[in-house]
Amino acid sequence: CHTTSDWETTTFDHTNTQFPLTGAHIPLECIAC
């Protein structure tokens, strides 16, 4: 998720996965799934 150029700005984006987060999934803690 991180890079050496900018530790704070992460590269991971759930939108680019096979399961984009929508609706009630957005505020969930990651561990829920």
PDB file of all heavy atoms in Angstrom:
ATOM      1  N   CYS A   1       0.810  -1.225   0.000  1.00  0.00           N
ATOM      2  CA  CYS A   1       0.000   0.000   0.000  1.00  0.00           C
ATOM      3  C   CYS A   1       0.843   1.275   0.000  1.00  0.00           C
ATOM      4  O   CYS A   1       0.388   2.312  -0.487  1.00  0.00           O
ATOM      5  CB  CYS A   1      -0.923   0.030   1.221  1.00  0.00           C
ATOM      6  SG  CYS A   1      -2.057  -1.362   1.330  1.00  0.00           S
ATOM      7  N   HIS A   2       2.034   1.223   0.573  1.00  0.00           N
ATOM      8  CA  HIS A   2       2.855   2.420   0.737  1.00  0.00           C
ATOM      9  C   HIS A   2       3.991   2.454  -0.273  1.00  0.00           C
ATOM     10  O   HIS A   2       4.333   1.449  -0.893  1.00  0.00           O
ATOM     11  CB  HIS A   2       3.438   2.463   2.152  1.00  0.00           C
ATOM     12  CG  HIS A   2       2.406   2.526   3.234  1.00  0.00           C
ATOM     13  ND1 HIS A   2       1.880   3.703   3.718  1.00  0.00           N
ATOM     14  CD2 HIS A   2       1.788   1.525   3.935  1.00  0.00           C
ATOM     15  CE1 HIS A   2       0.999   3.443   4.660  1.00  0.00           C
ATOM     16  NE2 HIS A   2       0.918   2.136   4.806  1.00  0.00           N
ATOM     17  N   THR A   3       4.583   3.626  -0.415  1.00  0.00           N
ATOM     18  CA  THR A   3       5.766   3.788  -1.251  1.00  0.00           C
ATOM     19  C   THR A   3       6.834   4.538  -0.458  1.00  0.00           C
ATOM     20  O   THR A   3       6.528   5.177   0.552  1.00  0.00           O
ATOM     21  CB  THR A   3       5.457   4.589  -2.538  1.00  0.00           C
ATOM     22  OG1 THR A   3       5.215   5.970  -2.200  1.00  0.00           O
ATOM     23  CG2 THR A   3       4.244   4.028  -3.260  1.00  0.00           C
ATOM     24  N   THR A   4       8.061   4.491  -0.942  1.00  0.00           N
ATOM     25  CA  THR A   4       9.129   5.219  -0.258  1.00  0.00           C
ATOM     26  C   THR A   4       9.086   6.705  -0.579  1.00  0.00           C
ATOM     27  O   THR A   4       9.718   7.503   0.106  1.00  0.00           O
ATOM     28  CB  THR A   4      10.505   4.660  -0.680  1.00  0.00           C
ATOM     29  OG1 THR A   4      10.652   4.799  -2.095  1.00  0.00           O
ATOM     30  CG2 THR A   4      10.644   3.203  -0.290  1.00  0.00           C
ATOM     31  N   SER A   5       8.333   7.078  -1.602  1.00  0.00           N
ATOM     32  CA  SER A   5       8.265   8.499  -1.987  1.00  0.00           C
ATOM     33  C   SER A   5       7.347   9.283  -1.068  1.00  0.00           C
ATOM     34  O   SER A   5       7.638  10.417  -0.694  1.00  0.00           O
ATOM     35  CB  SER A   5       7.778   8.632  -3.430  1.00  0.00           C
ATOM     36  OG  SER A   5       8.669   7.989  -4.314  1.00  0.00           O
ATOM     37  N   ASP A   6       6.209   8.639  -0.688  1.00  0.00           N
ATOM     38  CA  ASP A   6       5.238   9.341   0.150  1.00  0.00           C
ATOM     39  C   ASP A   6       4.529   8.315   1.013  1.00  0.00           C
ATOM     40  O   ASP A   6       3.615   7.626   0.561  1.00  0.00           O
ATOM     41  CB  ASP A   6       4.230  10.092  -0.728  1.00  0.00           C
ATOM     42  CG  ASP A   6       3.255  10.937   0.099  1.00  0.00           C
ATOM     43  OD1 ASP A   6       3.271  10.829   1.337  1.00  0.00           O
ATOM     44  OD2 ASP A   6       2.480  11.692  -0.504  1.00  0.00           O
ATOM     45  N   TRP A   7       4.977   8.205   2.238  1.00  0.00           N
ATOM     46  CA  TRP A   7       4.437   7.179   3.152  1.00  0.00           C
ATOM     47  C   TRP A   7       2.954   7.412   3.448  1.00  0.00           C
ATOM     48  O   TRP A   7       2.182   6.471   3.597  1.00  0.00           O
ATOM     49  CB  TRP A   7       5.252   7.197   4.440  1.00  0.00           C
ATOM     50  CG  TRP A   7       4.873   6.139   5.430  1.00  0.00           C
ATOM     51  CD1 TRP A   7       4.097   6.281   6.541  1.00  0.00           C
ATOM     52  CD2 TRP A   7       5.258   4.763   5.375  1.00  0.00           C
ATOM     53  NE1 TRP A   7       3.976   5.074   7.189  1.00  0.00           N
ATOM     54  CE2 TRP A   7       4.672   4.130   6.502  1.00  0.00           C
ATOM     55  CE3 TRP A   7       6.033   3.997   4.495  1.00  0.00           C
ATOM     56  CZ2 TRP A   7       4.851   2.778   6.769  1.00  0.00           C
ATOM     57  CZ3 TRP A   7       6.207   2.648   4.764  1.00  0.00           C
ATOM     58  CH2 TRP A   7       5.625   2.051   5.881  1.00  0.00           C
ATOM     59  N   GLU A   8       2.532   8.675   3.530  1.00  0.00           N
ATOM     60  CA  GLU A   8       1.164   9.000   3.922  1.00  0.00           C
ATOM     61  C   GLU A   8       0.156   8.673   2.824  1.00  0.00           C
ATOM     62  O   GLU A   8      -0.963   8.230   3.092  1.00  0.00           O
ATOM     63  CB  GLU A   8       1.056  10.483   4.291  1.00  0.00           C
ATOM     64  CG  GLU A   8       1.882  10.884   5.506  1.00  0.00           C
ATOM     65  CD  GLU A   8       1.421  10.180   6.779  1.00  0.00           C
ATOM     66  OE1 GLU A   8       0.207   9.938   6.904  1.00  0.00           O
ATOM     67  OE2 GLU A   8       2.269   9.880   7.630  1.00  0.00           O
ATOM     68  N   THR A   9       0.521   8.930   1.571  1.00  0.00           N
ATOM     69  CA  THR A   9      -0.391   8.661   0.453  1.00  0.00           C
ATOM     70  C   THR A   9      -0.245   7.209   0.027  1.00  0.00           C
ATOM     71  O   THR A   9       0.793   6.807  -0.496  1.00  0.00           O
ATOM     72  CB  THR A   9      -0.084   9.589  -0.734  1.00  0.00           C
ATOM     73  OG1 THR A   9      -0.165  10.947  -0.294  1.00  0.00           O
ATOM     74  CG2 THR A   9      -1.069   9.368  -1.862  1.00  0.00           C
ATOM     75  N   THR A  10      -1.276   6.425   0.271  1.00  0.00           N
ATOM     76  CA  THR A  10      -1.201   5.002  -0.034  1.00  0.00           C
ATOM     77  C   THR A  10      -1.635   4.726  -1.465  1.00  0.00           C
ATOM     78  O   THR A  10      -2.417   5.471  -2.051  1.00  0.00           O
ATOM     79  CB  THR A  10      -2.092   4.195   0.927  1.00  0.00           C
ATOM     80  OG1 THR A  10      -3.449   4.640   0.813  1.00  0.00           O
ATOM     81  CG2 THR A  10      -1.620   4.373   2.362  1.00  0.00           C
ATOM     82  N   THR A  11      -1.130   3.646  -2.010  1.00  0.00           N
ATOM     83  CA  THR A  11      -1.439   3.285  -3.388  1.00  0.00           C
ATOM     84  C   THR A  11      -2.628   2.341  -3.484  1.00  0.00           C
ATOM     85  O   THR A  11      -3.169   2.142  -4.558  1.00  0.00           O
ATOM     86  CB  THR A  11      -0.230   2.596  -4.040  1.00  0.00           C
ATOM     87  OG1 THR A  11       0.117   1.429  -3.264  1.00  0.00           O
ATOM     88  CG2 THR A  11       0.970   3.522  -4.074  1.00  0.00           C
ATOM     89  N   PHE A  12      -3.063   1.756  -2.365  1.00  0.00           N
ATOM     90  CA  PHE A  12      -4.158   0.789  -2.425  1.00  0.00           C
ATOM     91  C   PHE A  12      -5.495   1.488  -2.601  1.00  0.00           C
ATOM     92  O   PHE A  12      -5.793   2.469  -1.923  1.00  0.00           O
ATOM     93  CB  PHE A  12      -4.204  -0.053  -1.146  1.00  0.00           C
ATOM     94  CG  PHE A  12      -5.312  -1.068  -1.153  1.00  0.00           C
ATOM     95  CD1 PHE A  12      -5.195  -2.242  -1.878  1.00  0.00           C
ATOM     96  CD2 PHE A  12      -6.497  -0.840  -0.470  1.00  0.00           C
ATOM     97  CE1 PHE A  12      -6.211  -3.170  -1.911  1.00  0.00           C
ATOM     98  CE2 PHE A  12      -7.519  -1.761  -0.490  1.00  0.00           C
ATOM     99  CZ  PHE A  12      -7.378  -2.929  -1.211  1.00  0.00           C
ATOM    100  N   ASP A  13      -6.275   1.002  -3.533  1.00  0.00           N
ATOM    101  CA  ASP A  13      -7.601   1.568  -3.792  1.00  0.00           C
ATOM    102  C   ASP A  13      -8.562   0.413  -4.015  1.00  0.00           C
ATOM    103  O   ASP A  13      -8.440  -0.336  -4.987  1.00  0.00           O
ATOM    104  CB  ASP A  13      -7.558   2.476  -5.030  1.00  0.00           C
ATOM    105  CG  ASP A  13      -8.898   3.166  -5.287  1.00  0.00           C
ATOM    106  OD1 ASP A  13      -9.874   2.863  -4.572  1.00  0.00           O
ATOM    107  OD2 ASP A  13      -8.955   3.997  -6.203  1.00  0.00           O
ATOM    108  N   HIS A  14      -9.509   0.248  -3.094  1.00  0.00           N
ATOM    109  CA  HIS A  14     -10.443  -0.880  -3.174  1.00  0.00           C
ATOM    110  C   HIS A  14     -11.268  -0.834  -4.466  1.00  0.00           C
ATOM    111  O   HIS A  14     -11.780  -1.866  -4.923  1.00  0.00           O
ATOM    112  CB  HIS A  14     -11.376  -0.875  -1.962  1.00  0.00           C
ATOM    113  CG  HIS A  14     -11.602  -2.241  -1.386  1.00  0.00           C
ATOM    114  ND1 HIS A  14     -12.269  -3.235  -2.049  1.00  0.00           N
ATOM    115  CD2 HIS A  14     -11.233  -2.771  -0.191  1.00  0.00           C
ATOM    116  CE1 HIS A  14     -12.322  -4.324  -1.304  1.00  0.00           C
ATOM    117  NE2 HIS A  14     -11.701  -4.079  -0.174  1.00  0.00           N
ATOM    118  N   THR A  15     -11.393   0.349  -5.046  1.00  0.00           N
ATOM    119  CA  THR A  15     -12.154   0.493  -6.291  1.00  0.00           C
ATOM    120  C   THR A  15     -11.517  -0.314  -7.412  1.00  0.00           C
ATOM    121  O   THR A  15     -12.218  -0.761  -8.338  1.00  0.00           O
ATOM    122  CB  THR A  15     -12.229   1.977  -6.697  1.00  0.00           C
ATOM    123  OG1 THR A  15     -12.781   2.715  -5.609  1.00  0.00           O
ATOM    124  CG2 THR A  15     -13.114   2.171  -7.924  1.00  0.00           C
ATOM    125  N   ASN A  16     -10.225  -0.518  -7.338  1.00  0.00           N
ATOM    126  CA  ASN A  16      -9.513  -1.236  -8.391  1.00  0.00           C
ATOM    127  C   ASN A  16      -9.441  -2.737  -8.145  1.00  0.00           C
ATOM    128  O   ASN A  16      -8.764  -3.451  -8.880  1.00  0.00           O
ATOM    129  CB  ASN A  16      -8.099  -0.668  -8.547  1.00  0.00           C
ATOM    130  CG  ASN A  16      -8.112   0.790  -8.974  1.00  0.00           C
ATOM    131  OD1 ASN A  16      -8.974   1.207  -9.747  1.00  0.00           O
ATOM    132  ND2 ASN A  16      -7.159   1.570  -8.481  1.00  0.00           N
ATOM    133  N   THR A  17     -10.117  -3.206  -7.110  1.00  0.00           N
ATOM    134  CA  THR A  17     -10.142  -4.640  -6.827  1.00  0.00           C
ATOM    135  C   THR A  17     -11.359  -5.274  -7.486  1.00  0.00           C
ATOM    136  O   THR A  17     -12.154  -4.592  -8.137  1.00  0.00           O
ATOM    137  CB  THR A  17     -10.192  -4.900  -5.314  1.00  0.00           C
ATOM    138  OG1 THR A  17     -11.489  -4.501  -4.810  1.00  0.00           O
ATOM    139  CG2 THR A  17      -9.110  -4.122  -4.588  1.00  0.00           C
ATOM    140  N   GLN A  18     -11.525  -6.562  -7.284  1.00  0.00           N
ATOM    141  CA  GLN A  18     -12.693  -7.279  -7.820  1.00  0.00           C
ATOM    142  C   GLN A  18     -13.954  -6.976  -7.013  1.00  0.00           C
ATOM    143  O   GLN A  18     -15.052  -7.378  -7.412  1.00  0.00           O
ATOM    144  CB  GLN A  18     -12.432  -8.791  -7.817  1.00  0.00           C
ATOM    145  CG  GLN A  18     -11.399  -9.254  -8.819  1.00  0.00           C
ATOM    146  CD  GLN A  18     -11.215 -10.750  -8.760  1.00  0.00           C
ATOM    147  OE1 GLN A  18     -10.709 -11.306  -7.777  1.00  0.00           O
ATOM    148  NE2 GLN A  18     -11.623 -11.435  -9.802  1.00  0.00           N
ATOM    149  N   PHE A  19     -13.791  -6.235  -5.904  1.00  0.00           N
ATOM    150  CA  PHE A  19     -14.944  -5.921  -5.062  1.00  0.00           C
ATOM    151  C   PHE A  19     -14.882  -4.446  -4.660  1.00  0.00           C
ATOM    152  O   PHE A  19     -14.488  -4.108  -3.536  1.00  0.00           O
ATOM    153  CB  PHE A  19     -14.964  -6.807  -3.811  1.00  0.00           C
ATOM    154  CG  PHE A  19     -16.268  -6.775  -3.066  1.00  0.00           C
ATOM    155  CD1 PHE A  19     -17.284  -7.661  -3.364  1.00  0.00           C
ATOM    156  CD2 PHE A  19     -16.492  -5.848  -2.066  1.00  0.00           C
ATOM    157  CE1 PHE A  19     -18.486  -7.639  -2.673  1.00  0.00           C
ATOM    158  CE2 PHE A  19     -17.689  -5.801  -1.366  1.00  0.00           C
ATOM    159  CZ  PHE A  19     -18.689  -6.712  -1.685  1.00  0.00           C
ATOM    160  N   PRO A  20     -15.268  -3.527  -5.565  1.00  0.00           N
ATOM    161  CA  PRO A  20     -15.316  -2.101  -5.196  1.00  0.00           C
ATOM    162  C   PRO A  20     -16.304  -1.891  -4.049  1.00  0.00           C
ATOM    163  O   PRO A  20     -17.388  -2.476  -4.043  1.00  0.00           O
ATOM    164  CB  PRO A  20     -15.804  -1.419  -6.481  1.00  0.00           C
ATOM    165  CG  PRO A  20     -15.507  -2.395  -7.576  1.00  0.00           C
ATOM    166  CD  PRO A  20     -15.662  -3.755  -6.968  1.00  0.00           C
ATOM    167  N   LEU A  21     -15.921  -1.082  -3.074  1.00  0.00           N
ATOM    168  CA  LEU A  21     -16.795  -0.834  -1.932  1.00  0.00           C
ATOM    169  C   LEU A  21     -17.876   0.171  -2.291  1.00  0.00           C
ATOM    170  O   LEU A  21     -17.594   1.259  -2.802  1.00  0.00           O
ATOM    171  CB  LEU A  21     -15.978  -0.307  -0.746  1.00  0.00           C
ATOM    172  CG  LEU A  21     -14.913  -1.249  -0.197  1.00  0.00           C
ATOM    173  CD1 LEU A  21     -14.228  -0.618   1.009  1.00  0.00           C
ATOM    174  CD2 LEU A  21     -15.507  -2.603   0.180  1.00  0.00           C
ATOM    175  N   THR A  22     -19.126  -0.199  -2.020  1.00  0.00           N
ATOM    176  CA  THR A  22     -20.260   0.683  -2.274  1.00  0.00           C
ATOM    177  C   THR A  22     -21.215   0.639  -1.086  1.00  0.00           C
ATOM    178  O   THR A  22     -21.188  -0.288  -0.281  1.00  0.00           O
ATOM    179  CB  THR A  22     -21.030   0.245  -3.547  1.00  0.00           C
ATOM    180  OG1 THR A  22     -21.482  -1.114  -3.378  1.00  0.00           O
ATOM    181  CG2 THR A  22     -20.147   0.336  -4.779  1.00  0.00           C
ATOM    182  N   GLY A  23     -22.055   1.649  -0.996  1.00  0.00           N
ATOM    183  CA  GLY A  23     -23.118   1.659   0.007  1.00  0.00           C
ATOM    184  C   GLY A  23     -22.644   1.390   1.419  1.00  0.00           C
ATOM    185  O   GLY A  23     -21.698   1.996   1.925  1.00  0.00           O
ATOM    186  N   ALA A  24     -23.298   0.444   2.078  1.00  0.00           N
ATOM    187  CA  ALA A  24     -23.027   0.154   3.489  1.00  0.00           C
ATOM    188  C   ALA A  24     -21.672  -0.491   3.717  1.00  0.00           C
ATOM    189  O   ALA A  24     -21.232  -0.613   4.865  1.00  0.00           O
ATOM    190  CB  ALA A  24     -24.133  -0.753   4.044  1.00  0.00           C
ATOM    191  N   HIS A  25     -21.008  -0.915   2.648  1.00  0.00           N
ATOM    192  CA  HIS A  25     -19.686  -1.515   2.818  1.00  0.00           C
ATOM    193  C   HIS A  25     -18.605  -0.466   3.083  1.00  0.00           C
ATOM    194  O   HIS A  25     -17.569  -0.784   3.667  1.00  0.00           O
ATOM    195  CB  HIS A  25     -19.296  -2.303   1.559  1.00  0.00           C
ATOM    196  CG  HIS A  25     -20.141  -3.506   1.313  1.00  0.00           C
ATOM    197  ND1 HIS A  25     -20.615  -3.854   0.083  1.00  0.00           N
ATOM    198  CD2 HIS A  25     -20.625  -4.444   2.173  1.00  0.00           C
ATOM    199  CE1 HIS A  25     -21.329  -4.962   0.164  1.00  0.00           C
ATOM    200  NE2 HIS A  25     -21.358  -5.342   1.424  1.00  0.00           N
ATOM    201  N   ILE A  26     -18.833   0.762   2.642  1.00  0.00           N
ATOM    202  CA  ILE A  26     -17.780   1.783   2.693  1.00  0.00           C
ATOM    203  C   ILE A  26     -17.281   2.053   4.114  1.00  0.00           C
ATOM    204  O   ILE A  26     -16.071   2.085   4.351  1.00  0.00           O
ATOM    205  CB  ILE A  26     -18.266   3.088   2.024  1.00  0.00           C
ATOM    206  CG1 ILE A  26     -18.514   2.847   0.528  1.00  0.00           C
ATOM    207  CG2 ILE A  26     -17.252   4.214   2.224  1.00  0.00           C
ATOM    208  CD1 ILE A  26     -19.125   4.030  -0.199  1.00  0.00           C
ATOM    209  N   PRO A  27     -18.159   2.256   5.117  1.00  0.00           N
ATOM    210  CA  PRO A  27     -17.649   2.604   6.452  1.00  0.00           C
ATOM    211  C   PRO A  27     -17.201   1.408   7.292  1.00  0.00           C
ATOM    212  O   PRO A  27     -16.748   1.593   8.415  1.00  0.00           O
ATOM    213  CB  PRO A  27     -18.855   3.291   7.105  1.00  0.00           C
ATOM    214  CG  PRO A  27     -20.040   2.623   6.476  1.00  0.00           C
ATOM    215  CD  PRO A  27     -19.636   2.337   5.055  1.00  0.00           C
ATOM    216  N   LEU A  28     -17.315   0.194   6.774  1.00  0.00           N
ATOM    217  CA  LEU A  28     -16.980  -0.984   7.572  1.00  0.00           C
ATOM    218  C   LEU A  28     -15.490  -1.042   7.896  1.00  0.00           C
ATOM    219  O   LEU A  28     -14.647  -0.599   7.120  1.00  0.00           O
ATOM    220  CB  LEU A  28     -17.368  -2.263   6.822  1.00  0.00           C
ATOM    221  CG  LEU A  28     -18.848  -2.565   6.636  1.00  0.00           C
ATOM    222  CD1 LEU A  28     -19.026  -3.875   5.877  1.00  0.00           C
ATOM    223  CD2 LEU A  28     -19.570  -2.649   7.982  1.00  0.00           C
ATOM    224  N   GLU A  29     -15.177  -1.604   9.062  1.00  0.00           N
ATOM    225  CA  GLU A  29     -13.793  -1.937   9.363  1.00  0.00           C
ATOM    226  C   GLU A  29     -13.373  -3.077   8.434  1.00  0.00           C
ATOM    227  O   GLU A  29     -14.166  -3.972   8.140  1.00  0.00           O
ATOM    228  CB  GLU A  29     -13.654  -2.379  10.821  1.00  0.00           C
ATOM    229  CG  GLU A  29     -13.742  -1.243  11.824  1.00  0.00           C
ATOM    230  CD  GLU A  29     -12.542  -0.315  11.728  1.00  0.00           C
ATOM    231  OE1 GLU A  29     -11.395  -0.802  11.680  1.00  0.00           O
ATOM    232  OE2 GLU A  29     -12.754   0.916  11.693  1.00  0.00           O
ATOM    233  N   CYS A  30     -12.137  -3.036   7.998  1.00  0.00           N
ATOM    234  CA  CYS A  30     -11.654  -4.038   7.037  1.00  0.00           C
ATOM    235  C   CYS A  30     -11.850  -5.460   7.565  1.00  0.00           C
ATOM    236  O   CYS A  30     -12.177  -6.386   6.815  1.00  0.00           O
ATOM    237  CB  CYS A  30     -10.183  -3.808   6.723  1.00  0.00           C
ATOM    238  SG  CYS A  30      -9.806  -2.111   6.212  1.00  0.00           S
ATOM    239  N   ILE A  31     -11.656  -5.639   8.874  1.00  0.00           N
ATOM    240  CA  ILE A  31     -11.714  -6.967   9.466  1.00  0.00           C
ATOM    241  C   ILE A  31     -13.106  -7.579   9.353  1.00  0.00           C
ATOM    242  O   ILE A  31     -13.271  -8.799   9.462  1.00  0.00           O
ATOM    243  CB  ILE A  31     -11.259  -6.910  10.947  1.00  0.00           C
ATOM    244  CG1 ILE A  31     -10.806  -8.291  11.433  1.00  0.00           C
ATOM    245  CG2 ILE A  31     -12.346  -6.326  11.830  1.00  0.00           C
ATOM    246  CD1 ILE A  31      -9.526  -8.756  10.814  1.00  0.00           C
ATOM    247  N   ALA A  32     -14.129  -6.758   9.123  1.00  0.00           N
ATOM    248  CA  ALA A  32     -15.484  -7.287   8.991  1.00  0.00           C
ATOM    249  C   ALA A  32     -15.591  -8.265   7.833  1.00  0.00           C
ATOM    250  O   ALA A  32     -16.345  -9.241   7.887  1.00  0.00           O
ATOM    251  CB  ALA A  32     -16.479  -6.134   8.800  1.00  0.00           C
ATOM    252  N   CYS A  33     -14.842  -8.014   6.782  1.00  0.00           N
ATOM    253  CA  CYS A  33     -14.845  -8.919   5.628  1.00  0.00           C
ATOM    254  C   CYS A  33     -13.571  -9.744   5.536  1.00  0.00           C
ATOM    255  O   CYS A  33     -13.559 -10.780   4.858  1.00  0.00           O
ATOM    256  CB  CYS A  33     -15.010  -8.131   4.328  1.00  0.00           C
ATOM    257  SG  CYS A  33     -16.572  -7.233   4.190  1.00  0.00           S
TER     258      CYS A  33
END
